[in-house]
Amino acid sequence: MTLVVDTDDPKGIDAAWEMIAVLQKKAGRTVQPRPFTKEFGKIEYIKALRKYVREQVDAFKDPENTTVTDLDAMQSLRNTKTFADRIFNGEK
C-alpha cells in the first residue's frame, strides 16, 4: 500500500496517521504516539510569546550571554527553535 499525503491538507494528514495506526495494529506492532501533539489555548500562547520576548531581551542585556549579541540574533531561527523545543518538551 502506498499513502500519498497532501501537506496542504491537515485533515488528510490526520487521516493518514489514523490509517497507519490501524495497519500497525493489524500487523501486531506497537502503535507509536503521534510525534506532535502539543496543544494550548490563546492565553497560554500569548504568555509563551511574552516569555520568549522577555528572555531574548534579558539575554541581550546580559554581557556574559553570547546567544543574543544583537537584534538579528534576538530574532534568529536558532533562538526561536531552542525556546519552542523547551515548551514542547515540557520544560519551563
Protein backbone atom coordinates (compact mmCIF):
# COMPACT_ATOMS: atom_id res chain seq x y z
CA MET A 1 0.00 0.00 0.00
CA THR A 2 1.22 3.49 -0.78
CA LEU A 3 -0.11 6.52 1.04
CA VAL A 4 0.17 9.86 -0.69
CA VAL A 5 -0.24 12.79 1.69
CA ASP A 6 -1.10 16.32 0.64
CA THR A 7 0.86 18.54 3.04
CA ASP A 8 -1.67 21.33 2.50
CA ASP A 9 -4.46 19.14 3.90
CA PRO A 10 -4.26 18.90 7.73
CA LYS A 11 -7.33 16.65 7.90
CA GLY A 12 -5.78 14.32 5.32
CA ILE A 13 -2.57 14.14 7.34
CA ASP A 14 -4.57 13.23 10.46
CA ALA A 15 -6.42 10.56 8.48
CA ALA A 16 -3.11 9.14 7.23
CA TRP A 17 -1.85 8.86 10.83
CA GLU A 18 -5.03 7.00 11.76
CA MET A 19 -4.61 4.66 8.79
CA ILE A 20 -1.03 3.91 9.79
CA ALA A 21 -2.15 3.15 13.36
CA VAL A 22 -4.77 0.70 12.07
CA LEU A 23 -2.21 -1.01 9.83
CA GLN A 24 0.28 -1.26 12.69
CA LYS A 25 -2.34 -2.85 14.95
CA LYS A 26 -3.28 -5.38 12.26
CA ALA A 27 0.40 -6.25 11.84
CA GLY A 28 0.75 -6.76 15.59
CA ARG A 29 3.09 -3.84 16.06
CA THR A 30 3.04 -1.32 18.85
CA VAL A 31 1.29 1.85 17.81
CA GLN A 32 3.63 4.80 18.21
CA PRO A 33 2.14 8.04 19.50
CA ARG A 34 1.84 10.87 17.06
CA PRO A 35 5.06 12.88 17.20
CA PHE A 36 3.38 16.27 17.53
CA THR A 37 0.52 16.56 19.99
CA LYS A 38 1.16 19.76 21.95
CA GLU A 39 -1.95 21.87 22.18
CA PHE A 40 -2.62 25.07 24.09
CA GLY A 41 -5.07 27.92 24.10
CA LYS A 42 -4.77 31.52 23.10
CA ILE A 43 -3.89 32.82 26.59
CA GLU A 44 -1.15 30.18 27.00
CA TYR A 45 0.18 31.12 23.57
CA ILE A 46 0.28 34.83 24.45
CA LYS A 47 2.08 34.04 27.72
CA ALA A 48 4.62 31.93 25.85
CA LEU A 49 5.27 34.76 23.38
CA ARG A 50 5.74 37.23 26.23
CA LYS A 51 8.14 34.83 27.94
CA TYR A 52 10.15 34.43 24.74
CA VAL A 53 10.47 38.19 24.23
CA ARG A 54 11.39 38.70 27.89
CA GLU A 55 14.10 36.01 27.70
CA GLN A 56 15.53 37.46 24.50
CA VAL A 57 15.70 40.99 25.94
CA ASP A 58 17.28 39.71 29.17
CA ALA A 59 19.87 37.77 27.17
CA PHE A 60 20.57 40.85 25.02
CA LYS A 61 21.18 42.97 28.14
CA ASP A 62 23.43 40.35 29.76
CA PRO A 63 27.05 40.99 28.66
CA GLU A 64 28.02 37.41 29.57
CA ASN A 65 25.34 35.86 27.36
CA THR A 66 26.66 35.01 23.90
CA THR A 67 23.40 33.72 22.36
CA VAL A 68 21.89 37.17 21.78
CA THR A 69 24.56 39.64 20.78
CA ASP A 70 22.49 41.93 18.54
CA LEU A 71 18.95 42.43 17.27
CA ASP A 72 19.42 39.94 14.42
CA ALA A 73 20.41 37.22 16.90
CA MET A 74 17.39 38.14 19.03
CA GLN A 75 15.05 37.14 16.21
CA SER A 76 17.11 34.23 14.90
CA LEU A 77 15.57 30.90 13.98
CA ARG A 78 18.03 29.11 16.30
CA ASN A 79 16.94 31.04 19.41
CA THR A 80 13.28 30.66 18.49
CA LYS A 81 13.70 26.91 17.95
CA THR A 82 15.51 26.49 21.26
CA PHE A 83 12.63 28.21 23.05
CA ALA A 84 10.00 26.17 21.16
CA ASP A 85 11.85 22.93 21.98
CA ARG A 86 11.70 23.79 25.69
CA ILE A 87 7.95 24.39 25.54
CA PHE A 88 7.19 21.24 23.56
CA ASN A 89 9.44 19.14 25.77
CA GLY A 90 7.59 20.36 28.87
CA GLU A 91 10.48 22.41 30.23
CA LYS A 92 9.96 25.81 31.82
